[in-house]
Amino acid sequence: MKTLSTRYYIDLYNAFNTFIKVKQYKTGRGMMYQLCVAEFFNYLEKNSIMDLTLVDGQIVQQYYDYLSLRPSKRGGSLSQNTLNHHLFALKLLFHYCLDEGLLEEMVVLPGYQRGIVDERPPLSREEIALLFAVCRTQTERALLAIVYGCGLRRSEIEDLNTKDILFTDGILIVREGKNTKRREIPLSESVIQHLKNYYFDQRVDILQHHKKYEEAFFLSSNGKRLTGMRMNSIVKNLALRTENNELIKKHVCLHLFRHTIATHLSENGAQIEFIRDFLGHTLINTSQLYAIRQLKSKKMYAY
């Protein structure tokens, strides 16, 4: 197999390799998952896709078509079992990148397009309450209010400025979401209160201490824009602070809150069009997957 040539993919491959070994996944003949991911990275390099954040469902479908047509070492095409191994390896890769904050959303895989956007269980309302209960700062509460109450992507939270939150109107504006889409998100009274508490108190203290102006809504302790990586660490630490094993096992990350609020909206009877607009999905099909999850859940528990 062709050796990876870009530092970005080499570093990501090495990190994934360590992840697989630490988790002790059964890999059959040693490096099966790693080899599958290396081939995927080679494909991306060959097609000048030099950042995993540029990968979407269409690109993965094209890669799956490529795998379906390429010959195996023994001649003939790859078996369905081998194709499934490749898909599962990519699933592990994307989940790893989500947990580490390297991706904002789960990429829908060809074998799962009729399934659910994110197969990991969402947080329950009780677990959301647990996370709020262990918050120690107004920043932590405001961040939870944003990631759960507004369902923002990581980059959208990073880019959030003070002018984007209209407290009087109860609206949060995403000025340039995915595919440069602008959207307005309604804020509940509880979300508004958490954001106000942070904005008029802790955020003011940070700026006064550093005697500087910063338009970013979320600030680090040094008065600079809070990074997505740091936000991801905050929510992970909140989960650990609860000491709730079931919650910790869900590998809490920024994306999981977006997945959770979409599921809860569907459970509460929200229309697909509302969920699409709320999350900023381009295609309604993506939002429909949450409705499918809810429908399957109702059938599963119907007596």
C-alpha atoms as a PDB file:
ATOM      1  CA  MET A   1       0.000   0.000   0.000  1.00  0.00           C
ATOM      2  CA  LYS A   2       1.185   3.495  -0.846  1.00  0.00           C
ATOM      3  CA  THR A   3       2.814   5.292   2.105  1.00  0.00           C
ATOM      4  CA  LEU A   4       1.013   8.366   3.424  1.00  0.00           C
ATOM      5  CA  SER A   5       2.745  11.550   2.298  1.00  0.00           C
ATOM      6  CA  THR A   6       1.150  14.418   4.251  1.00  0.00           C
ATOM      7  CA  ARG A   7       1.997  15.186   7.888  1.00  0.00           C
ATOM      8  CA  TYR A   8      -1.688  15.774   8.690  1.00  0.00           C
ATOM      9  CA  TYR A   9      -2.742  12.246   7.718  1.00  0.00           C
ATOM     10  CA  ILE A  10       0.408  10.652   9.137  1.00  0.00           C
ATOM     11  CA  ASP A  11      -0.264  12.230  12.537  1.00  0.00           C
ATOM     12  CA  LEU A  12      -3.950  11.321  12.403  1.00  0.00           C
ATOM     13  CA  TYR A  13      -3.132   7.737  11.430  1.00  0.00           C
ATOM     14  CA  ASN A  14      -0.677   7.424  14.336  1.00  0.00           C
ATOM     15  CA  ALA A  15      -3.246   8.824  16.769  1.00  0.00           C
ATOM     16  CA  PHE A  16      -5.897   6.405  15.477  1.00  0.00           C
ATOM     17  CA  ASN A  17      -3.444   3.520  15.734  1.00  0.00           C
ATOM     18  CA  THR A  18      -2.819   4.375  19.398  1.00  0.00           C
ATOM     19  CA  PHE A  19      -6.575   4.664  19.992  1.00  0.00           C
ATOM     20  CA  ILE A  20      -7.213   1.187  18.564  1.00  0.00           C
ATOM     21  CA  LYS A  21      -4.456  -0.359  20.679  1.00  0.00           C
ATOM     22  CA  VAL A  22      -5.553   1.395  23.890  1.00  0.00           C
ATOM     23  CA  LYS A  23      -9.161   0.310  23.358  1.00  0.00           C
ATOM     24  CA  GLN A  24      -7.917  -3.222  22.562  1.00  0.00           C
ATOM     25  CA  TYR A  25     -10.304  -3.679  19.666  1.00  0.00           C
ATOM     26  CA  LYS A  26     -10.156  -7.140  18.171  1.00  0.00           C
ATOM     27  CA  THR A  27      -8.606  -6.587  14.787  1.00  0.00           C
ATOM     28  CA  GLY A  28      -8.384 -10.076  13.386  1.00  0.00           C
ATOM     29  CA  ARG A  29      -5.072 -10.152  11.558  1.00  0.00           C
ATOM     30  CA  GLY A  30      -3.364  -7.524  13.672  1.00  0.00           C
ATOM     31  CA  MET A  31      -3.680  -4.162  11.907  1.00  0.00           C
ATOM     32  CA  MET A  32      -6.925  -4.600   9.992  1.00  0.00           C
ATOM     33  CA  TYR A  33      -8.651  -1.372  11.088  1.00  0.00           C
ATOM     34  CA  GLN A  34      -5.459   0.641  10.742  1.00  0.00           C
ATOM     35  CA  LEU A  35      -4.853  -0.661   7.219  1.00  0.00           C
ATOM     36  CA  CYS A  36      -8.411   0.198   6.217  1.00  0.00           C
ATOM     37  CA  VAL A  37      -7.999   3.751   7.519  1.00  0.00           C
ATOM     38  CA  ALA A  38      -4.596   4.093   5.815  1.00  0.00           C
ATOM     39  CA  GLU A  39      -6.167   3.142   2.489  1.00  0.00           C
ATOM     40  CA  PHE A  40      -8.905   5.729   3.058  1.00  0.00           C
ATOM     41  CA  PHE A  41      -6.314   8.420   3.793  1.00  0.00           C
ATOM     42  CA  ASN A  42      -4.392   7.428   0.647  1.00  0.00           C
ATOM     43  CA  TYR A  43      -7.597   7.828  -1.360  1.00  0.00           C
ATOM     44  CA  LEU A  44      -8.172  11.291   0.110  1.00  0.00           C
ATOM     45  CA  GLU A  45      -4.589  12.355  -0.651  1.00  0.00           C
ATOM     46  CA  LYS A  46      -4.896  11.110  -4.221  1.00  0.00           C
ATOM     47  CA  ASN A  47      -8.052  13.187  -4.655  1.00  0.00           C
ATOM     48  CA  SER A  48      -6.507  16.301  -3.065  1.00  0.00           C
ATOM     49  CA  ILE A  49      -8.777  16.203  -0.004  1.00  0.00           C
ATOM     50  CA  MET A  50      -6.217  17.284   2.551  1.00  0.00           C
ATOM     51  CA  ASP A  51      -8.405  17.740   5.624  1.00  0.00           C
ATOM     52  CA  LEU A  52     -10.858  15.262   7.176  1.00  0.00           C
ATOM     53  CA  THR A  53     -13.314  18.093   7.927  1.00  0.00           C
ATOM     54  CA  LEU A  54     -13.910  18.313   4.165  1.00  0.00           C
ATOM     55  CA  VAL A  55     -15.182  14.733   4.061  1.00  0.00           C
ATOM     56  CA  ASP A  56     -18.944  14.273   3.798  1.00  0.00           C
ATOM     57  CA  GLY A  57     -21.326  11.438   3.005  1.00  0.00           C
ATOM     58  CA  GLN A  58     -20.939  11.958  -0.735  1.00  0.00           C
ATOM     59  CA  ILE A  59     -17.157  11.549  -0.589  1.00  0.00           C
ATOM     60  CA  VAL A  60     -17.461   8.415   1.541  1.00  0.00           C
ATOM     61  CA  GLN A  61     -20.004   7.020  -0.931  1.00  0.00           C
ATOM     62  CA  GLN A  62     -17.543   7.644  -3.763  1.00  0.00           C
ATOM     63  CA  TYR A  63     -14.852   5.888  -1.748  1.00  0.00           C
ATOM     64  CA  TYR A  64     -17.194   2.949  -1.127  1.00  0.00           C
ATOM     65  CA  ASP A  65     -17.858   2.748  -4.879  1.00  0.00           C
ATOM     66  CA  TYR A  66     -14.091   2.760  -5.463  1.00  0.00           C
ATOM     67  CA  LEU A  67     -13.630  -0.106  -2.979  1.00  0.00           C
ATOM     68  CA  SER A  68     -16.469  -2.046  -4.590  1.00  0.00           C
ATOM     69  CA  LEU A  69     -14.708  -1.889  -7.946  1.00  0.00           C
ATOM     70  CA  ARG A  70     -11.062  -2.296  -6.997  1.00  0.00           C
ATOM     71  CA  PRO A  71      -9.639  -5.828  -7.280  1.00  0.00           C
ATOM     72  CA  SER A  72      -8.625  -7.818  -4.237  1.00  0.00           C
ATOM     73  CA  LYS A  73      -5.133  -9.268  -3.794  1.00  0.00           C
ATOM     74  CA  ARG A  74      -6.492 -12.693  -4.703  1.00  0.00           C
ATOM     75  CA  GLY A  75      -8.231 -11.442  -7.823  1.00  0.00           C
ATOM     76  CA  GLY A  76     -11.840 -10.530  -8.276  1.00  0.00           C
ATOM     77  CA  SER A  77     -13.645  -7.833  -6.309  1.00  0.00           C
ATOM     78  CA  LEU A  78     -13.676  -7.346  -2.546  1.00  0.00           C
ATOM     79  CA  SER A  79     -16.178  -9.455  -0.643  1.00  0.00           C
ATOM     80  CA  GLN A  80     -19.078  -7.824   1.154  1.00  0.00           C
ATOM     81  CA  ASN A  81     -17.500  -8.911   4.425  1.00  0.00           C
ATOM     82  CA  THR A  82     -14.300  -7.009   3.552  1.00  0.00           C
ATOM     83  CA  LEU A  83     -16.316  -3.945   2.522  1.00  0.00           C
ATOM     84  CA  ASN A  84     -18.090  -4.071   5.876  1.00  0.00           C
ATOM     85  CA  HIS A  85     -14.708  -4.164   7.652  1.00  0.00           C
ATOM     86  CA  HIS A  86     -13.716  -0.994   5.794  1.00  0.00           C
ATOM     87  CA  LEU A  87     -16.970   0.714   6.774  1.00  0.00           C
ATOM     88  CA  PHE A  88     -16.595  -0.278  10.409  1.00  0.00           C
ATOM     89  CA  ALA A  89     -13.014   1.020  10.458  1.00  0.00           C
ATOM     90  CA  LEU A  90     -14.253   4.371   9.120  1.00  0.00           C
ATOM     91  CA  LYS A  91     -17.001   4.374  11.727  1.00  0.00           C
ATOM     92  CA  LEU A  92     -14.368   3.945  14.462  1.00  0.00           C
ATOM     93  CA  LEU A  93     -12.260   6.693  12.889  1.00  0.00           C
ATOM     94  CA  PHE A  94     -15.127   9.190  12.708  1.00  0.00           C
ATOM     95  CA  HIS A  95     -16.257   8.454  16.261  1.00  0.00           C
ATOM     96  CA  TYR A  96     -12.683   8.917  17.473  1.00  0.00           C
ATOM     97  CA  CYS A  97     -12.443  12.254  15.670  1.00  0.00           C
ATOM     98  CA  LEU A  98     -15.787  13.366  17.105  1.00  0.00           C
ATOM     99  CA  ASP A  99     -14.686  12.536  20.645  1.00  0.00           C
ATOM    100  CA  GLU A 100     -11.423  14.420  20.139  1.00  0.00           C
ATOM    101  CA  GLY A 101     -13.175  17.428  18.644  1.00  0.00           C
ATOM    102  CA  LEU A 102     -11.547  16.932  15.229  1.00  0.00           C
ATOM    103  CA  LEU A 103     -14.940  16.625  13.516  1.00  0.00           C
ATOM    104  CA  GLU A 104     -18.176  18.483  14.160  1.00  0.00           C
ATOM    105  CA  GLU A 105     -20.648  15.879  12.950  1.00  0.00           C
ATOM    106  CA  MET A 106     -20.749  12.175  12.275  1.00  0.00           C
ATOM    107  CA  VAL A 107     -20.302  11.367   8.600  1.00  0.00           C
ATOM    108  CA  VAL A 108     -23.117   9.136   7.363  1.00  0.00           C
ATOM    109  CA  LEU A 109     -21.667   5.894   6.009  1.00  0.00           C
ATOM    110  CA  PRO A 110     -23.110   4.092   2.963  1.00  0.00           C
ATOM    111  CA  GLY A 111     -24.006   1.006   4.973  1.00  0.00           C
ATOM    112  CA  TYR A 112     -25.857   3.116   7.535  1.00  0.00           C
ATOM    113  CA  GLN A 113     -27.662   5.636   5.328  1.00  0.00           C
ATOM    114  CA  ARG A 114     -31.009   4.140   6.195  1.00  0.00           C
ATOM    115  CA  GLY A 115     -30.159   4.010   9.843  1.00  0.00           C
ATOM    116  CA  ILE A 116     -29.458   6.726  12.369  1.00  0.00           C
ATOM    117  CA  VAL A 117     -27.119   9.698  12.094  1.00  0.00           C
ATOM    118  CA  ASP A 118     -25.272   8.719  15.255  1.00  0.00           C
ATOM    119  CA  GLU A 119     -25.731   5.204  16.590  1.00  0.00           C
ATOM    120  CA  ARG A 120     -24.480   6.034  20.044  1.00  0.00           C
ATOM    121  CA  PRO A 121     -27.350   6.649  22.467  1.00  0.00           C
ATOM    122  CA  PRO A 122     -28.168  10.283  23.154  1.00  0.00           C
ATOM    123  CA  LEU A 123     -28.043  11.708  26.646  1.00  0.00           C
ATOM    124  CA  SER A 124     -31.241  11.432  28.643  1.00  0.00           C
ATOM    125  CA  ARG A 125     -32.934  14.445  30.189  1.00  0.00           C
ATOM    126  CA  GLU A 126     -31.840  13.160  33.597  1.00  0.00           C
ATOM    127  CA  GLU A 127     -28.224  13.031  32.405  1.00  0.00           C
ATOM    128  CA  ILE A 128     -28.456  16.576  31.066  1.00  0.00           C
ATOM    129  CA  ALA A 129     -29.716  17.648  34.516  1.00  0.00           C
ATOM    130  CA  LEU A 130     -26.789  15.821  36.140  1.00  0.00           C
ATOM    131  CA  LEU A 131     -24.317  17.738  34.009  1.00  0.00           C
ATOM    132  CA  PHE A 132     -25.883  21.074  34.914  1.00  0.00           C
ATOM    133  CA  ALA A 133     -25.845  20.056  38.585  1.00  0.00           C
ATOM    134  CA  VAL A 134     -22.050  19.591  38.645  1.00  0.00           C
ATOM    135  CA  CYS A 135     -21.268  22.900  36.921  1.00  0.00           C
ATOM    136  CA  ARG A 136     -19.033  25.129  39.040  1.00  0.00           C
ATOM    137  CA  THR A 137     -18.820  28.240  36.873  1.00  0.00           C
ATOM    138  CA  GLN A 138     -21.167  30.394  34.827  1.00  0.00           C
ATOM    139  CA  THR A 139     -19.036  29.600  31.784  1.00  0.00           C
ATOM    140  CA  GLU A 140     -19.761  25.878  32.178  1.00  0.00           C
ATOM    141  CA  ARG A 141     -23.508  26.477  32.556  1.00  0.00           C
ATOM    142  CA  ALA A 142     -23.633  28.851  29.593  1.00  0.00           C
ATOM    143  CA  LEU A 143     -21.678  26.409  27.424  1.00  0.00           C
ATOM    144  CA  LEU A 144     -24.074  23.573  28.300  1.00  0.00           C
ATOM    145  CA  ALA A 145     -27.006  25.852  27.550  1.00  0.00           C
ATOM    146  CA  ILE A 146     -25.574  26.608  24.103  1.00  0.00           C
ATOM    147  CA  VAL A 147     -24.514  23.102  23.070  1.00  0.00           C
ATOM    148  CA  TYR A 148     -27.714  21.423  24.257  1.00  0.00           C
ATOM    149  CA  GLY A 149     -30.299  24.193  24.061  1.00  0.00           C
ATOM    150  CA  CYS A 150     -29.177  25.464  20.654  1.00  0.00           C
ATOM    151  CA  GLY A 151     -27.595  22.387  19.037  1.00  0.00           C
ATOM    152  CA  LEU A 152     -24.678  24.310  17.561  1.00  0.00           C
ATOM    153  CA  ARG A 153     -21.774  22.765  15.729  1.00  0.00           C
ATOM    154  CA  ARG A 154     -18.302  23.138  17.231  1.00  0.00           C
ATOM    155  CA  SER A 155     -17.217  25.775  14.692  1.00  0.00           C
ATOM    156  CA  GLU A 156     -20.461  27.694  15.209  1.00  0.00           C
ATOM    157  CA  ILE A 157     -19.814  27.923  18.965  1.00  0.00           C
ATOM    158  CA  GLU A 158     -16.209  28.972  18.360  1.00  0.00           C
ATOM    159  CA  ASP A 159     -17.333  31.715  15.950  1.00  0.00           C
ATOM    160  CA  LEU A 160     -20.117  32.990  18.220  1.00  0.00           C
ATOM    161  CA  ASN A 161     -19.792  36.715  18.994  1.00  0.00           C
ATOM    162  CA  THR A 162     -21.621  38.892  21.495  1.00  0.00           C
ATOM    163  CA  LYS A 163     -23.609  40.585  18.703  1.00  0.00           C
ATOM    164  CA  ASP A 164     -25.004  37.184  17.688  1.00  0.00           C
ATOM    165  CA  ILE A 165     -27.136  36.794  20.836  1.00  0.00           C
ATOM    166  CA  LEU A 166     -30.192  39.049  20.971  1.00  0.00           C
ATOM    167  CA  PHE A 167     -31.384  38.741  24.565  1.00  0.00           C
ATOM    168  CA  THR A 168     -34.429  40.994  24.087  1.00  0.00           C
ATOM    169  CA  ASP A 169     -35.675  39.051  21.069  1.00  0.00           C
ATOM    170  CA  GLY A 170     -34.662  35.660  22.491  1.00  0.00           C
ATOM    171  CA  ILE A 171     -32.712  34.714  19.374  1.00  0.00           C
ATOM    172  CA  LEU A 172     -29.233  33.408  18.646  1.00  0.00           C
ATOM    173  CA  ILE A 173     -27.927  34.115  15.139  1.00  0.00           C
ATOM    174  CA  VAL A 174     -25.583  31.733  13.342  1.00  0.00           C
ATOM    175  CA  ARG A 175     -24.222  34.102  10.733  1.00  0.00           C
ATOM    176  CA  GLU A 176     -22.249  31.578   8.698  1.00  0.00           C
ATOM    177  CA  GLY A 177     -22.941  27.932   9.441  1.00  0.00           C
ATOM    178  CA  LYS A 178     -22.106  24.928   7.294  1.00  0.00           C
ATOM    179  CA  ASN A 179     -22.300  25.770   3.580  1.00  0.00           C
ATOM    180  CA  THR A 180     -22.351  29.469   4.656  1.00  0.00           C
ATOM    181  CA  LYS A 181     -25.983  29.139   5.758  1.00  0.00           C
ATOM    182  CA  ARG A 182     -27.383  31.783   8.107  1.00  0.00           C
ATOM    183  CA  ARG A 183     -30.040  30.761  10.636  1.00  0.00           C
ATOM    184  CA  GLU A 184     -31.814  32.102  13.686  1.00  0.00           C
ATOM    185  CA  ILE A 185     -32.319  29.870  16.727  1.00  0.00           C
ATOM    186  CA  PRO A 186     -35.029  30.589  19.318  1.00  0.00           C
ATOM    187  CA  LEU A 187     -33.790  30.629  22.921  1.00  0.00           C
ATOM    188  CA  SER A 188     -35.765  29.267  25.857  1.00  0.00           C
ATOM    189  CA  GLU A 189     -36.074  31.300  29.046  1.00  0.00           C
ATOM    190  CA  SER A 190     -33.688  28.986  30.911  1.00  0.00           C
ATOM    191  CA  VAL A 191     -31.059  29.246  28.170  1.00  0.00           C
ATOM    192  CA  ILE A 192     -31.369  33.036  28.135  1.00  0.00           C
ATOM    193  CA  GLN A 193     -30.904  33.166  31.906  1.00  0.00           C
ATOM    194  CA  HIS A 194     -27.745  31.005  31.827  1.00  0.00           C
ATOM    195  CA  LEU A 195     -26.286  33.127  29.020  1.00  0.00           C
ATOM    196  CA  LYS A 196     -27.130  36.393  30.796  1.00  0.00           C
ATOM    197  CA  ASN A 197     -25.554  35.208  34.046  1.00  0.00           C
ATOM    198  CA  TYR A 198     -22.321  34.443  32.230  1.00  0.00           C
ATOM    199  CA  TYR A 199     -22.353  37.487  29.944  1.00  0.00           C
ATOM    200  CA  PHE A 200     -23.048  40.140  32.582  1.00  0.00           C
ATOM    201  CA  ASP A 201     -20.965  38.604  35.352  1.00  0.00           C
ATOM    202  CA  GLN A 202     -18.115  36.173  34.669  1.00  0.00           C
ATOM    203  CA  ARG A 203     -17.375  37.454  31.161  1.00  0.00           C
ATOM    204  CA  VAL A 204     -17.255  41.047  32.434  1.00  0.00           C
ATOM    205  CA  ASP A 205     -14.825  40.023  35.192  1.00  0.00           C
ATOM    206  CA  ILE A 206     -12.523  38.336  32.664  1.00  0.00           C
ATOM    207  CA  LEU A 207     -12.432  41.422  30.414  1.00  0.00           C
ATOM    208  CA  GLN A 208     -11.883  43.820  33.309  1.00  0.00           C
ATOM    209  CA  HIS A 209      -9.042  41.690  34.616  1.00  0.00           C
ATOM    210  CA  HIS A 210      -7.256  41.739  31.248  1.00  0.00           C
ATOM    211  CA  LYS A 211      -8.359  45.285  30.342  1.00  0.00           C
ATOM    212  CA  LYS A 212      -9.097  44.411  26.732  1.00  0.00           C
ATOM    213  CA  TYR A 213     -11.949  44.205  24.240  1.00  0.00           C
ATOM    214  CA  GLU A 214     -12.944  40.878  22.676  1.00  0.00           C
ATOM    215  CA  GLU A 215     -16.010  40.290  20.509  1.00  0.00           C
ATOM    216  CA  ALA A 216     -16.074  36.521  21.126  1.00  0.00           C
ATOM    217  CA  PHE A 217     -18.941  35.432  23.362  1.00  0.00           C
ATOM    218  CA  PHE A 218     -17.056  32.617  25.105  1.00  0.00           C
ATOM    219  CA  LEU A 219     -13.740  33.648  26.607  1.00  0.00           C
ATOM    220  CA  SER A 220     -10.908  31.684  28.136  1.00  0.00           C
ATOM    221  CA  SER A 221      -9.389  32.763  31.459  1.00  0.00           C
ATOM    222  CA  ASN A 222      -6.784  34.804  29.531  1.00  0.00           C
ATOM    223  CA  GLY A 223      -9.473  36.868  27.807  1.00  0.00           C
ATOM    224  CA  LYS A 224      -9.165  35.268  24.373  1.00  0.00           C
ATOM    225  CA  ARG A 225     -11.725  33.389  22.267  1.00  0.00           C
ATOM    226  CA  LEU A 226     -12.386  29.960  23.772  1.00  0.00           C
ATOM    227  CA  THR A 227     -11.308  27.203  21.382  1.00  0.00           C
ATOM    228  CA  GLY A 228     -13.420  24.232  20.366  1.00  0.00           C
ATOM    229  CA  MET A 229     -10.808  21.901  21.804  1.00  0.00           C
ATOM    230  CA  ARG A 230     -11.069  23.597  25.191  1.00  0.00           C
ATOM    231  CA  MET A 231     -14.882  23.494  25.047  1.00  0.00           C
ATOM    232  CA  ASN A 232     -14.719  19.787  24.300  1.00  0.00           C
ATOM    233  CA  SER A 233     -12.478  19.284  27.341  1.00  0.00           C
ATOM    234  CA  ILE A 234     -14.928  21.193  29.530  1.00  0.00           C
ATOM    235  CA  VAL A 235     -17.902  18.964  28.683  1.00  0.00           C
ATOM    236  CA  LYS A 236     -15.783  15.817  29.009  1.00  0.00           C
ATOM    237  CA  ASN A 237     -14.682  16.920  32.479  1.00  0.00           C
ATOM    238  CA  LEU A 238     -18.274  17.650  33.464  1.00  0.00           C
ATOM    239  CA  ALA A 239     -19.195  14.064  32.612  1.00  0.00           C
ATOM    240  CA  LEU A 240     -16.323  12.737  34.716  1.00  0.00           C
ATOM    241  CA  ARG A 241     -17.358  15.030  37.568  1.00  0.00           C
ATOM    242  CA  THR A 242     -20.791  13.396  37.770  1.00  0.00           C
ATOM    243  CA  GLU A 243     -19.112  10.051  38.633  1.00  0.00           C
ATOM    244  CA  ASN A 244     -22.011   8.414  36.802  1.00  0.00           C
ATOM    245  CA  ASN A 245     -20.588   5.394  34.981  1.00  0.00           C
ATOM    246  CA  GLU A 246     -23.421   5.099  32.465  1.00  0.00           C
ATOM    247  CA  LEU A 247     -23.032   8.745  31.528  1.00  0.00           C
ATOM    248  CA  ILE A 248     -19.242   8.516  31.306  1.00  0.00           C
ATOM    249  CA  LYS A 249     -19.529   5.480  29.008  1.00  0.00           C
ATOM    250  CA  LYS A 250     -21.365   7.628  26.462  1.00  0.00           C
ATOM    251  CA  HIS A 251     -18.106   9.475  25.684  1.00  0.00           C
ATOM    252  CA  VAL A 252     -19.548  12.957  26.116  1.00  0.00           C
ATOM    253  CA  CYS A 253     -18.345  15.469  23.517  1.00  0.00           C
ATOM    254  CA  LEU A 254     -19.730  18.599  21.869  1.00  0.00           C
ATOM    255  CA  HIS A 255     -21.343  16.672  19.035  1.00  0.00           C
ATOM    256  CA  LEU A 256     -23.253  14.390  21.405  1.00  0.00           C
ATOM    257  CA  PHE A 257     -25.306  17.356  22.668  1.00  0.00           C
ATOM    258  CA  ARG A 258     -26.303  18.250  19.104  1.00  0.00           C
ATOM    259  CA  HIS A 259     -27.321  14.636  18.539  1.00  0.00           C
ATOM    260  CA  THR A 260     -29.196  14.680  21.869  1.00  0.00           C
ATOM    261  CA  ILE A 261     -31.244  17.836  21.308  1.00  0.00           C
ATOM    262  CA  ALA A 262     -32.243  16.617  17.831  1.00  0.00           C
ATOM    263  CA  THR A 263     -33.478  13.359  19.357  1.00  0.00           C
ATOM    264  CA  HIS A 264     -35.330  15.143  22.163  1.00  0.00           C
ATOM    265  CA  LEU A 265     -36.993  17.522  19.712  1.00  0.00           C
ATOM    266  CA  SER A 266     -38.193  14.566  17.673  1.00  0.00           C
ATOM    267  CA  GLU A 267     -39.462  12.816  20.810  1.00  0.00           C
ATOM    268  CA  ASN A 268     -41.429  15.954  21.702  1.00  0.00           C
ATOM    269  CA  GLY A 269     -43.159  15.923  18.337  1.00  0.00           C
ATOM    270  CA  ALA A 270     -41.186  18.649  16.556  1.00  0.00           C
ATOM    271  CA  GLN A 271     -41.754  18.751  12.801  1.00  0.00           C
ATOM    272  CA  ILE A 272     -38.938  17.566  10.544  1.00  0.00           C
ATOM    273  CA  GLU A 273     -38.743  20.993   8.905  1.00  0.00           C
ATOM    274  CA  PHE A 274     -38.204  22.641  12.302  1.00  0.00           C
ATOM    275  CA  ILE A 275     -35.415  20.190  13.221  1.00  0.00           C
ATOM    276  CA  ARG A 276     -33.771  20.788   9.838  1.00  0.00           C
ATOM    277  CA  ASP A 277     -33.813  24.552  10.285  1.00  0.00           C
ATOM    278  CA  PHE A 278     -32.825  24.347  13.964  1.00  0.00           C
ATOM    279  CA  LEU A 279     -29.744  22.244  13.231  1.00  0.00           C
ATOM    280  CA  GLY A 280     -28.899  23.929   9.942  1.00  0.00           C
ATOM    281  CA  HIS A 281     -29.114  20.781   7.851  1.00  0.00           C
ATOM    282  CA  THR A 282     -28.956  21.323   4.108  1.00  0.00           C
ATOM    283  CA  LEU A 283     -30.999  18.233   3.274  1.00  0.00           C
ATOM    284  CA  ILE A 284     -34.201  17.281   5.034  1.00  0.00           C
ATOM    285  CA  ASN A 285     -33.189  13.610   4.718  1.00  0.00           C
ATOM    286  CA  THR A 286     -30.572  14.131   7.421  1.00  0.00           C
ATOM    287  CA  SER A 287     -33.215  15.424   9.828  1.00  0.00           C
ATOM    288  CA  GLN A 288     -35.583  12.592   8.922  1.00  0.00           C
ATOM    289  CA  LEU A 289     -33.157  10.102  10.433  1.00  0.00           C
ATOM    290  CA  TYR A 290     -34.075  11.406  13.887  1.00  0.00           C
ATOM    291  CA  ALA A 291     -37.741  10.872  13.133  1.00  0.00           C
ATOM    292  CA  ILE A 292     -36.894   7.313  12.053  1.00  0.00           C
ATOM    293  CA  ARG A 293     -35.139   6.749  15.386  1.00  0.00           C
ATOM    294  CA  GLN A 294     -38.234   7.942  17.247  1.00  0.00           C
ATOM    295  CA  LEU A 295     -40.556   5.779  15.147  1.00  0.00           C
ATOM    296  CA  LYS A 296     -38.415   2.694  15.745  1.00  0.00           C
ATOM    297  CA  SER A 297     -38.307   3.463  19.465  1.00  0.00           C
ATOM    298  CA  LYS A 298     -42.107   3.656  19.658  1.00  0.00           C
ATOM    299  CA  LYS A 299     -42.460   0.339  17.855  1.00  0.00           C
ATOM    300  CA  MET A 300     -39.869  -1.261  20.109  1.00  0.00           C
ATOM    301  CA  TYR A 301     -41.709  -0.300  23.283  1.00  0.00           C
ATOM    302  CA  ALA A 302     -45.266  -0.755  22.042  1.00  0.00           C
ATOM    303  CA  TYR A 303     -47.203  -3.355  24.023  1.00  0.00           C
END
